[in-house]
């Protein structure tokens, strides 16, 4: 059978499976006690991941989904490349409000191919039919189960088909909508403000022509950014000022020649770098439910770093009320368009906002058709507090009426942290009263803990009752880790 025929058959089967999400979602929305199985495969297909330890840490970043076991008849199958330390699992189960951890543990199934390579987790599963069969055997009722991936490529689609369950995420055939060229096209068509630029560039000559066009339109342009169509956390970005060969690349190890090769393969865009005295990088998180409803979930101010300040390091929630409603309004236009195109699942819009004459102006710069760096801290807050976010006021309120804020990062790192195991971390957290406290609904939740030993890196979400308190809690947690690791053995070098 030809590959195209196989692809057609696979698409037809996938489309049939996706229809099952509609009745399943209606049941989930009613918060009843219907049984369901959630299969979490946090597979990432990203160039920037260069080691198995980083891959495993990112796969563990979504362990907050264990909080779904609050539903007494939910079963969760969580797949990672390597096995997860039992104490890390205990840590998350202990966070569950109103649930007996041992009861939740019986409904949790941890699966691993024991493959520490940097290949995408979905590939590792597709290579192992026996492991797929094992996951299938744990799904009680395929009509009441769904797959939760990190990003959605043809690998995850194939995995859904092989497991016989629908996937909660955008069909990979819609992938072009989330590329840098695709989103510029949507911004233009939906009348969403965005930087001056040119899309669908595939060569050095295209890039030069596009920059000349832009300079003719706006001679005052100081800097432009080249962006590959595919790239996350700024890893496909390069800054240009005077000469093409003097490009500054956001991802370490990228050369001019390798970048041009990727531009040819993937295509890309060039756009004006928005400049100003006061400039911020907020984002809006949305989802389209399987029922076609667009939900505006949250806003964040992104914490950026890297060579030219385009690499995602963390976020603060919610975004500044001075522009939160403004960017939410523009994001709503894109959300409605994506729903019309058939997108389902979570996605985010990145903006740059600049203040001139006391007024904030928003520029949409990117659509991320997948979960991202703001997904896990926001859902952690939501699951722990049962609170709700009001997109019109940009306020998140817990059921007791208390407003909630957080600061989160995936990059809490120091060479001296390599002396720590996750168990050491738990000991430090408890002794210093940093652990998230259900009574106060404040404190710190850690993630990516398996990266401590090899990379000296972890992630954390600091939850508190104001922006200032959340920042102070975050800074105290980092100061405690620094103090403990220097006192407890110093830098391993």
Protein backbone atom coordinates (compact mmCIF):
# COMPACT_ATOMS: atom_id res chain seq x y z
CA UNK A 1 0.00 0.00 0.00
CA UNK A 2 1.35 3.44 -0.92
CA UNK A 3 2.37 5.93 1.80
CA UNK A 4 -0.24 8.44 0.65
CA UNK A 5 -2.99 5.77 0.93
CA UNK A 6 -1.73 4.87 4.41
CA UNK A 7 -1.78 8.55 5.38
CA UNK A 8 -5.37 8.90 4.09
CA UNK A 9 -6.52 5.81 6.00
CA UNK A 10 -4.75 7.06 9.11
CA UNK A 11 -6.36 10.52 8.75
CA UNK A 12 -9.84 8.99 8.36
CA UNK A 13 -9.29 6.82 11.45
CA UNK A 14 -7.92 9.80 13.41
CA UNK A 15 -10.92 11.97 12.41
CA UNK A 16 -13.31 9.27 13.64
CA UNK A 17 -11.47 9.03 16.96
CA UNK A 18 -11.54 12.83 17.41
CA UNK A 19 -15.36 12.77 17.29
CA UNK A 20 -15.29 10.87 20.60
CA UNK A 21 -13.96 13.98 22.32
CA UNK A 22 -17.35 15.71 22.06
CA UNK A 23 -19.40 13.41 24.35
CA UNK A 24 -16.34 12.89 26.58
CA UNK A 25 -15.90 16.64 27.02
CA UNK A 26 -19.58 17.15 27.86
CA UNK A 27 -19.14 14.60 30.63
CA UNK A 28 -15.86 16.14 31.87
CA UNK A 29 -17.44 19.62 31.98
CA UNK A 30 -20.22 18.36 34.25
CA UNK A 31 -17.59 17.43 36.87
CA UNK A 32 -19.40 14.18 37.52
CA UNK A 33 -17.80 10.96 38.66
CA UNK A 34 -17.83 9.22 35.29
CA UNK A 35 -14.73 7.05 34.89
CA UNK A 36 -12.11 8.30 32.43
CA UNK A 37 -8.51 7.53 31.49
CA UNK A 38 -6.01 10.27 30.65
CA UNK A 39 -2.88 9.16 28.78
CA UNK A 40 -0.15 11.79 29.16
CA UNK A 41 2.73 11.61 26.65
CA UNK A 42 4.77 14.84 27.15
CA UNK A 43 6.82 14.27 24.00
CA UNK A 44 8.81 17.25 22.73
CA UNK A 45 10.19 17.68 19.21
CA UNK A 46 12.59 20.57 19.74
CA UNK A 47 16.07 21.21 18.33
CA UNK A 48 17.23 22.99 21.49
CA UNK A 49 17.06 19.85 23.66
CA UNK A 50 20.56 18.47 23.54
CA UNK A 51 20.70 15.89 26.34
CA UNK A 52 18.62 13.04 27.73
CA UNK A 53 18.64 14.71 31.18
CA UNK A 54 17.04 17.88 29.77
CA UNK A 55 14.51 15.76 27.85
CA UNK A 56 13.53 13.83 31.00
CA UNK A 57 13.22 17.03 33.04
CA UNK A 58 10.88 18.58 30.46
CA UNK A 59 8.82 15.39 30.35
CA UNK A 60 8.48 15.59 34.14
CA UNK A 61 7.50 19.26 33.92
CA UNK A 62 3.90 18.18 33.33
CA UNK A 63 3.63 16.00 36.44
CA UNK A 64 1.22 18.64 37.78
CA UNK A 65 -1.31 16.67 35.68
CA UNK A 66 -1.22 14.11 38.50
CA UNK A 67 -3.50 16.63 40.22
CA UNK A 68 -6.23 15.39 37.83
CA UNK A 69 -6.39 12.36 40.13
CA UNK A 70 -8.49 14.57 42.40
CA UNK A 71 -11.36 13.17 40.33
CA UNK A 72 -12.05 9.92 42.24
CA UNK A 73 -12.69 7.77 39.14
CA UNK A 74 -9.98 9.18 36.92
CA UNK A 75 -7.08 6.94 35.88
CA UNK A 76 -3.86 8.54 34.69
CA UNK A 77 -1.23 6.85 32.53
CA UNK A 78 1.93 8.99 32.51
CA UNK A 79 4.75 8.12 30.11
CA UNK A 80 8.36 9.33 30.39
CA UNK A 81 11.60 8.25 28.68
CA UNK A 82 13.13 7.14 31.98
CA UNK A 83 11.47 6.04 35.22
CA UNK A 84 10.56 8.80 37.68
CA UNK A 85 11.86 8.68 41.25
CA UNK A 86 9.10 7.42 43.62
CA UNK A 87 9.73 10.36 45.98
CA UNK A 88 8.93 12.82 43.15
CA UNK A 89 5.60 11.04 42.57
CA UNK A 90 4.89 11.15 46.33
CA UNK A 91 5.64 14.89 46.29
CA UNK A 92 2.91 15.59 43.70
CA UNK A 93 0.35 13.23 45.22
CA UNK A 94 0.82 14.93 48.60
CA UNK A 95 -0.26 18.22 46.97
CA UNK A 96 -3.69 16.81 46.06
CA UNK A 97 -6.33 18.67 48.08
CA UNK A 98 -9.05 16.49 49.60
CA UNK A 99 -7.65 13.20 48.29
CA UNK A 100 -6.05 10.23 50.04
CA UNK A 101 -2.66 9.83 48.27
CA UNK A 102 -2.75 6.00 48.42
CA UNK A 103 -6.16 6.03 46.68
CA UNK A 104 -4.79 8.29 43.94
CA UNK A 105 -1.64 6.15 43.63
CA UNK A 106 -3.73 3.07 42.72
CA UNK A 107 -5.15 5.00 39.76
CA UNK A 108 -1.74 6.15 38.47
CA UNK A 109 0.26 4.07 36.00
CA UNK A 110 3.82 5.06 35.14
CA UNK A 111 5.20 3.75 31.86
CA UNK A 112 8.72 4.12 30.49
CA UNK A 113 10.67 2.74 27.50
CA UNK A 114 13.88 3.21 29.59
CA UNK A 115 15.43 5.08 26.69
CA UNK A 116 17.50 8.11 27.71
CA UNK A 117 18.35 9.28 24.18
CA UNK A 118 17.30 12.73 22.90
CA UNK A 119 14.78 11.29 20.45
CA UNK A 120 11.17 12.39 20.89
CA UNK A 121 9.27 10.23 23.40
CA UNK A 122 6.53 9.48 20.85
CA UNK A 123 9.16 7.97 18.51
CA UNK A 124 10.41 5.77 21.36
CA UNK A 125 6.86 4.48 21.90
CA UNK A 126 6.09 3.95 18.21
CA UNK A 127 9.24 1.80 17.99
CA UNK A 128 7.94 -0.43 20.80
CA UNK A 129 4.61 -2.10 19.89
CA UNK A 130 4.64 -4.15 23.11
CA UNK A 131 4.76 -0.97 25.19
CA UNK A 132 1.85 0.49 23.20
CA UNK A 133 -0.07 -2.74 23.85
CA UNK A 134 0.70 -2.39 27.58
CA UNK A 135 -0.76 1.15 27.57
CA UNK A 136 -3.82 -0.07 25.65
CA UNK A 137 -4.36 -2.79 28.26
CA UNK A 138 -4.51 -0.11 31.01
CA UNK A 139 -7.26 1.87 29.23
CA UNK A 140 -10.48 0.57 30.77
CA UNK A 141 -12.81 2.07 28.16
CA UNK A 142 -11.39 3.62 24.94
CA UNK A 143 -14.62 5.66 24.58
CA UNK A 144 -13.81 7.38 27.86
CA UNK A 145 -10.10 8.03 27.31
CA UNK A 146 -7.97 10.63 25.59
CA UNK A 147 -4.31 11.37 24.85
CA UNK A 148 -2.71 14.53 26.23
CA UNK A 149 0.50 15.38 24.31
CA UNK A 150 2.85 18.37 24.72
CA UNK A 151 3.00 19.31 21.05
CA UNK A 152 1.13 17.62 18.22
CA UNK A 153 3.07 16.22 15.30
CA UNK A 154 2.27 13.27 13.05
CA UNK A 155 4.01 11.09 15.65
CA UNK A 156 1.41 11.89 18.33
CA UNK A 157 -1.38 11.51 15.78
CA UNK A 158 -0.09 8.04 14.87
CA UNK A 159 0.19 7.20 18.58
CA UNK A 160 -3.46 8.18 19.13
CA UNK A 161 -4.50 5.94 16.23
CA UNK A 162 -2.46 3.01 17.56
CA UNK A 163 -3.89 3.47 21.06
CA UNK A 164 -7.40 3.80 19.63
CA UNK A 165 -8.17 7.00 21.56
CA UNK A 166 -8.66 10.67 20.55
CA UNK A 167 -5.99 13.33 21.08
CA UNK A 168 -6.67 16.57 22.93
CA UNK A 169 -4.63 18.87 20.72
CA UNK A 170 -4.53 20.45 17.28
CA UNK A 171 -4.48 18.09 14.29
CA UNK A 172 -0.93 18.26 12.83
CA UNK A 173 -2.46 19.10 9.43
CA UNK A 174 -3.15 22.55 10.99
CA UNK A 175 0.53 22.97 11.89
CA UNK A 176 1.13 25.73 9.25
CA UNK A 177 -1.24 28.03 11.21
CA UNK A 178 1.26 28.10 14.09
CA UNK A 179 4.40 28.74 12.05
CA UNK A 180 5.90 32.24 12.04
CA UNK A 181 4.68 32.76 8.44
CA UNK A 182 1.25 31.26 9.20
CA UNK A 183 0.60 33.44 12.21
CA UNK A 184 1.62 36.65 10.41
CA UNK A 185 -0.97 35.76 7.76
CA UNK A 186 -3.65 35.31 10.47
CA UNK A 187 -2.69 38.59 12.17
CA UNK A 188 -3.07 40.40 8.84
CA UNK A 189 -6.43 38.75 8.01
CA UNK A 190 -7.89 39.21 11.52
CA UNK A 191 -6.69 42.81 11.82
CA UNK A 192 -4.46 42.13 14.83
CA UNK A 193 -1.60 44.67 15.26
CA UNK A 194 1.80 43.09 14.52
CA UNK A 195 5.32 44.23 13.57
CA UNK A 196 6.20 45.28 10.01
CA UNK A 197 7.73 42.26 8.24
CA UNK A 198 7.72 39.76 5.40
CA UNK A 199 6.88 36.05 5.56
CA UNK A 200 7.63 32.86 3.57
CA UNK A 201 11.33 33.57 3.06
CA UNK A 202 13.53 30.65 2.01
CA UNK A 203 16.97 32.02 1.15
CA UNK A 204 19.59 34.67 1.85
CA UNK A 205 18.38 36.57 -1.24
CA UNK A 206 14.77 36.53 0.05
CA UNK A 207 16.00 37.87 3.38
CA UNK A 208 17.95 40.73 1.76
CA UNK A 209 15.02 41.67 -0.53
CA UNK A 210 12.61 41.64 2.41
CA UNK A 211 14.85 43.87 4.55
CA UNK A 212 15.23 46.32 1.67
CA UNK A 213 11.42 46.42 1.24
CA UNK A 214 10.99 47.06 4.97
CA UNK A 215 13.64 49.82 5.02
CA UNK A 216 11.97 51.48 2.04
CA UNK A 217 8.65 51.45 3.93
CA UNK A 218 10.16 52.54 7.25
CA UNK A 219 13.66 54.07 6.99
CA UNK A 220 13.80 54.53 10.79
CA UNK A 221 14.07 50.73 11.43
CA UNK A 222 17.10 50.05 13.65
CA UNK A 223 16.98 46.27 14.14
CA UNK A 224 15.21 43.39 12.45
CA UNK A 225 14.70 39.81 13.58
CA UNK A 226 14.89 36.77 11.34
CA UNK A 227 12.80 33.86 12.63
CA UNK A 228 12.59 30.30 11.39
CA UNK A 229 9.02 29.11 10.82
CA UNK A 230 9.54 26.45 13.49
CA UNK A 231 11.32 27.28 16.72
CA UNK A 232 10.41 27.53 20.41
CA UNK A 233 11.61 29.80 23.24
CA UNK A 234 13.35 32.00 20.69
CA UNK A 235 15.66 29.19 19.54
CA UNK A 236 15.01 29.88 15.83
CA UNK A 237 15.59 33.63 16.12
CA UNK A 238 18.48 35.79 14.95
CA UNK A 239 19.00 39.52 15.30
CA UNK A 240 20.30 41.64 12.43
CA UNK A 241 21.63 45.18 12.59
CA UNK A 242 24.08 46.06 9.83
CA UNK A 243 25.28 42.98 7.95
CA UNK A 244 23.69 39.59 7.37
CA UNK A 245 26.84 37.68 8.32
CA UNK A 246 26.95 39.50 11.65
CA UNK A 247 23.65 37.91 12.74
CA UNK A 248 23.37 37.24 16.50
CA UNK A 249 21.78 33.85 17.11
CA UNK A 250 19.61 33.14 20.13
CA UNK A 251 20.51 29.43 20.30
CA UNK A 252 24.11 28.63 21.24
CA UNK A 253 26.07 26.72 18.62
CA UNK A 254 24.15 28.06 15.61
CA UNK A 255 26.34 29.30 12.74
CA UNK A 256 25.45 31.56 9.82
CA UNK A 257 25.67 28.63 7.37
CA UNK A 258 23.61 26.24 9.52
CA UNK A 259 20.94 28.94 10.02
CA UNK A 260 20.72 29.63 6.27
CA UNK A 261 20.41 25.89 5.64
CA UNK A 262 17.48 25.70 8.08
CA UNK A 263 15.89 28.79 6.53
CA UNK A 264 15.98 27.00 3.19
CA UNK A 265 14.44 23.84 4.69
CA UNK A 266 11.79 25.43 6.94
CA UNK A 267 11.34 28.94 5.53
CA UNK A 268 10.90 31.86 7.87
CA UNK A 269 10.08 35.52 8.36
CA UNK A 270 11.86 38.79 8.97
CA UNK A 271 10.26 41.53 11.03
CA UNK A 272 11.03 44.78 12.73
CA UNK A 273 12.23 44.46 16.29
CA UNK A 274 9.85 46.60 18.31
CA UNK A 275 11.85 49.13 20.33
CA UNK A 276 10.85 51.64 22.98
CA UNK A 277 11.71 53.10 26.37
CA UNK A 278 9.31 50.78 28.16
CA UNK A 279 8.76 47.41 26.57
CA UNK A 280 7.30 44.14 27.89
CA UNK A 281 6.70 40.63 26.54
CA UNK A 282 3.34 39.33 27.77
CA UNK A 283 1.42 36.30 26.52
CA UNK A 284 -2.18 35.11 26.51
CA UNK A 285 -3.11 31.48 27.04
CA UNK A 286 -6.31 30.18 25.38
CA UNK A 287 -7.98 26.93 24.55
CA UNK A 288 -10.63 25.77 22.13
CA UNK A 289 -12.69 22.97 23.64
CA UNK A 290 -13.84 20.00 21.55
CA UNK A 291 -17.26 21.72 21.59
CA UNK A 292 -15.72 24.66 19.66
CA UNK A 293 -15.85 27.12 22.59
CA UNK A 294 -12.95 29.61 22.81
CA UNK A 295 -11.80 30.13 26.42
CA UNK A 296 -9.39 32.93 27.41
CA UNK A 297 -7.49 31.26 30.24
CA UNK A 298 -4.74 33.56 31.48
CA UNK A 299 -2.24 36.32 30.79
CA UNK A 300 1.41 36.33 31.81
CA UNK A 301 4.37 38.65 31.70
CA UNK A 302 7.22 36.59 30.29
CA UNK A 303 10.69 36.69 31.84
CA UNK A 304 13.13 36.63 28.93
CA UNK A 305 16.90 36.24 28.70
CA UNK A 306 19.52 34.86 26.32
CA UNK A 307 21.90 36.76 24.01
CA UNK A 308 19.27 39.19 22.71
CA UNK A 309 16.54 38.75 25.29
CA UNK A 310 14.30 36.40 23.31
CA UNK A 311 14.75 33.13 25.23
CA UNK A 312 11.91 32.17 27.58
CA UNK A 313 13.09 31.78 31.19
CA UNK A 314 9.89 32.11 33.20
CA UNK A 315 6.75 34.17 33.79
CA UNK A 316 4.72 36.26 36.22
CA UNK A 317 0.95 35.85 36.54
CA UNK A 318 -1.25 37.67 35.84
CA UNK A 319 0.09 40.17 33.33
CA UNK A 320 0.13 43.89 34.16
CA UNK A 321 -3.49 45.14 34.25
CA UNK A 322 -2.31 48.14 32.21
CA UNK A 323 -2.40 45.98 29.07
CA UNK A 324 -3.78 42.55 30.08
CA UNK A 325 -7.30 43.27 28.79
CA UNK A 326 -5.84 44.86 25.63
CA UNK A 327 -3.86 41.77 24.61
CA UNK A 328 -6.71 39.46 25.64
CA UNK A 329 -9.03 41.30 23.24
CA UNK A 330 -6.57 40.81 20.33
CA UNK A 331 -5.95 37.17 21.32
CA UNK A 332 -9.71 36.57 21.23
CA UNK A 333 -9.76 37.45 17.51
CA UNK A 334 -7.07 34.84 16.83
CA UNK A 335 -8.78 32.27 19.06
CA UNK A 336 -12.06 32.60 17.16
CA UNK A 337 -10.23 32.26 13.84
CA UNK A 338 -8.36 29.13 15.01
CA UNK A 339 -11.61 27.60 16.29
CA UNK A 340 -13.13 28.20 12.83
CA UNK A 341 -10.11 26.43 11.29
CA UNK A 342 -10.79 23.38 13.47
CA UNK A 343 -8.06 23.81 16.11
CA UNK A 344 -8.72 22.26 19.53
CA UNK A 345 -6.64 22.26 22.69
CA UNK A 346 -4.41 24.78 24.44
CA UNK A 347 -2.32 27.39 22.68
CA UNK A 348 -0.74 30.73 23.48
CA UNK A 349 -0.15 34.08 21.79
CA UNK A 350 3.03 36.04 22.45
CA UNK A 351 2.97 39.83 22.31
CA UNK A 352 5.36 42.73 22.62
CA UNK A 353 3.81 45.81 24.23
CA UNK A 354 5.44 49.21 24.19
CA UNK A 355 4.42 52.32 26.11
CA UNK A 356 4.44 55.65 24.31
CA UNK A 357 2.79 58.83 25.63
CA UNK A 358 1.54 56.85 28.63
CA UNK A 359 -0.41 54.42 26.43
CA UNK A 360 0.42 50.74 25.84
CA UNK A 361 0.45 49.51 22.24
CA UNK A 362 0.31 45.74 21.60
CA UNK A 363 2.02 43.85 18.75
CA UNK A 364 1.23 40.15 18.27
CA UNK A 365 4.38 38.24 17.35
CA UNK A 366 3.69 34.53 17.65
CA UNK A 367 1.07 31.75 17.95
CA UNK A 368 2.24 28.65 19.81
CA UNK A 369 -0.13 25.83 18.82
CA UNK A 370 0.86 23.66 21.78
CA UNK A 371 1.31 23.76 25.50
CA UNK A 372 4.13 26.03 26.58
CA UNK A 373 6.14 27.41 29.45
CA UNK A 374 3.12 29.16 30.98
CA UNK A 375 0.84 26.09 30.88
CA UNK A 376 2.19 24.12 33.82
CA UNK A 377 2.43 26.95 36.42
CA UNK A 378 -1.04 28.26 35.60
CA UNK A 379 -2.67 24.83 35.75
CA UNK A 380 -0.78 24.07 38.96
CA UNK A 381 -2.31 27.20 40.52
CA UNK A 382 -5.75 26.34 39.17
CA UNK A 383 -5.68 22.72 40.37
CA UNK A 384 -4.33 23.65 43.82
CA UNK A 385 -6.70 26.53 44.57
CA UNK A 386 -9.84 25.84 42.47
CA UNK A 387 -9.68 29.52 41.57
CA UNK A 388 -10.85 31.27 38.40
CA UNK A 389 -9.35 33.92 36.13
CA UNK A 390 -11.45 36.82 34.88
CA UNK A 391 -10.04 37.91 31.47
CA UNK A 392 -11.79 41.30 31.66
CA UNK A 393 -10.22 42.35 34.96
CA UNK A 394 -7.04 40.19 34.70
CA UNK A 395 -7.67 38.96 38.25
CA UNK A 396 -7.43 35.36 39.52
CA UNK A 397 -9.56 34.69 42.58
CA UNK A 398 -9.61 31.67 44.89
CA UNK A 399 -13.02 30.46 46.23
CA UNK A 400 -12.36 32.30 49.52
CA UNK A 401 -12.17 35.61 47.60
CA UNK A 402 -8.39 35.94 47.89
CA UNK A 403 -6.54 37.08 44.75
CA UNK A 404 -3.64 34.85 43.69
CA UNK A 405 -0.38 35.59 41.89
CA UNK A 406 2.70 33.61 40.95
CA UNK A 407 6.24 33.84 39.64
CA UNK A 408 7.52 30.73 37.85
CA UNK A 409 10.71 29.64 36.13
CA UNK A 410 12.16 26.54 34.47
CA UNK A 411 15.66 27.95 34.95
CA UNK A 412 16.48 27.96 38.65
CA UNK A 413 20.06 26.81 38.20
CA UNK A 414 23.54 26.85 39.67
CA UNK A 415 26.47 24.42 39.42
CA UNK A 416 26.26 24.02 43.21
CA UNK A 417 22.71 22.60 42.92
CA UNK A 418 24.27 19.48 41.41
CA UNK A 419 25.06 18.40 44.98
CA UNK A 420 21.31 17.99 45.62
CA UNK A 421 19.00 15.03 45.11
CA UNK A 422 15.22 15.60 44.97
CA UNK A 423 15.02 14.19 48.54
CA UNK A 424 17.55 16.81 49.69
CA UNK A 425 15.39 19.46 48.03
CA UNK A 426 12.26 18.25 49.87
CA UNK A 427 14.16 18.35 53.17
CA UNK A 428 15.32 21.94 52.53
CA UNK A 429 11.83 23.05 51.46
CA UNK A 430 10.15 21.65 54.58
CA UNK A 431 12.80 22.97 57.01
CA UNK A 432 12.53 26.48 55.57
CA UNK A 433 8.72 26.47 55.40
CA UNK A 434 8.69 26.98 51.63
CA UNK A 435 6.40 24.05 50.79
CA UNK A 436 2.98 24.96 49.33
CA UNK A 437 0.56 25.15 52.25
CA UNK A 438 -3.05 24.19 51.45
CA UNK A 439 -4.41 26.14 54.44
CA UNK A 440 -2.78 29.44 53.41
CA UNK A 441 -2.75 28.51 49.70
CA UNK A 442 0.71 30.04 49.38
CA UNK A 443 4.18 28.62 48.95
CA UNK A 444 6.41 26.96 46.38
CA UNK A 445 5.78 24.03 44.04
CA UNK A 446 8.87 22.53 42.36
CA UNK A 447 9.14 20.80 38.98
CA UNK A 448 11.91 19.37 36.73
CA UNK A 449 13.62 18.05 39.88
CA UNK A 450 15.34 15.16 38.10
CA UNK A 451 17.64 17.71 36.39
CA UNK A 452 19.34 18.65 39.68
CA UNK A 453 22.09 16.02 39.77
CA UNK A 454 23.28 16.30 36.19
CA UNK A 455 22.42 19.89 35.26
CA UNK A 456 22.16 21.73 38.58
CA UNK A 457 18.74 22.92 37.45
CA UNK A 458 15.15 22.82 38.66
CA UNK A 459 11.95 24.79 38.13
CA UNK A 460 9.55 26.35 40.61
CA UNK A 461 6.24 28.17 40.89
CA UNK A 462 5.94 30.58 43.83
CA UNK A 463 2.28 31.31 44.71
CA UNK A 464 1.23 34.21 46.93
CA UNK A 465 -1.42 36.87 47.50
CA UNK A 466 0.20 39.76 45.58
CA UNK A 467 2.78 40.26 42.82
CA UNK A 468 5.25 41.58 45.41
CA UNK A 469 4.74 38.64 47.79
CA UNK A 470 5.00 36.07 44.97
CA UNK A 471 8.28 37.68 43.83
CA UNK A 472 9.57 37.73 47.43
CA UNK A 473 8.63 34.04 47.92
CA UNK A 474 10.39 33.15 44.66
CA UNK A 475 13.52 35.10 45.63
CA UNK A 476 13.54 33.58 49.12
CA UNK A 477 13.34 30.05 47.64
CA UNK A 478 16.33 30.72 45.36
CA UNK A 479 18.29 32.36 48.23
CA UNK A 480 17.62 29.33 50.46
CA UNK A 481 18.84 26.92 47.76
CA UNK A 482 21.99 29.01 47.24
CA UNK A 483 22.66 29.20 50.97
CA UNK A 484 22.05 25.47 51.55
CA UNK A 485 24.20 24.28 48.65
CA UNK A 486 27.13 26.54 49.49
CA UNK A 487 26.92 25.54 53.15
CA UNK A 488 26.30 21.91 52.29
CA UNK A 489 29.27 21.12 50.11
CA UNK A 490 29.75 24.00 47.67
CA UNK A 491 30.41 23.88 43.98
CA UNK A 492 31.28 20.43 42.64
CA UNK A 493 33.06 22.12 39.73
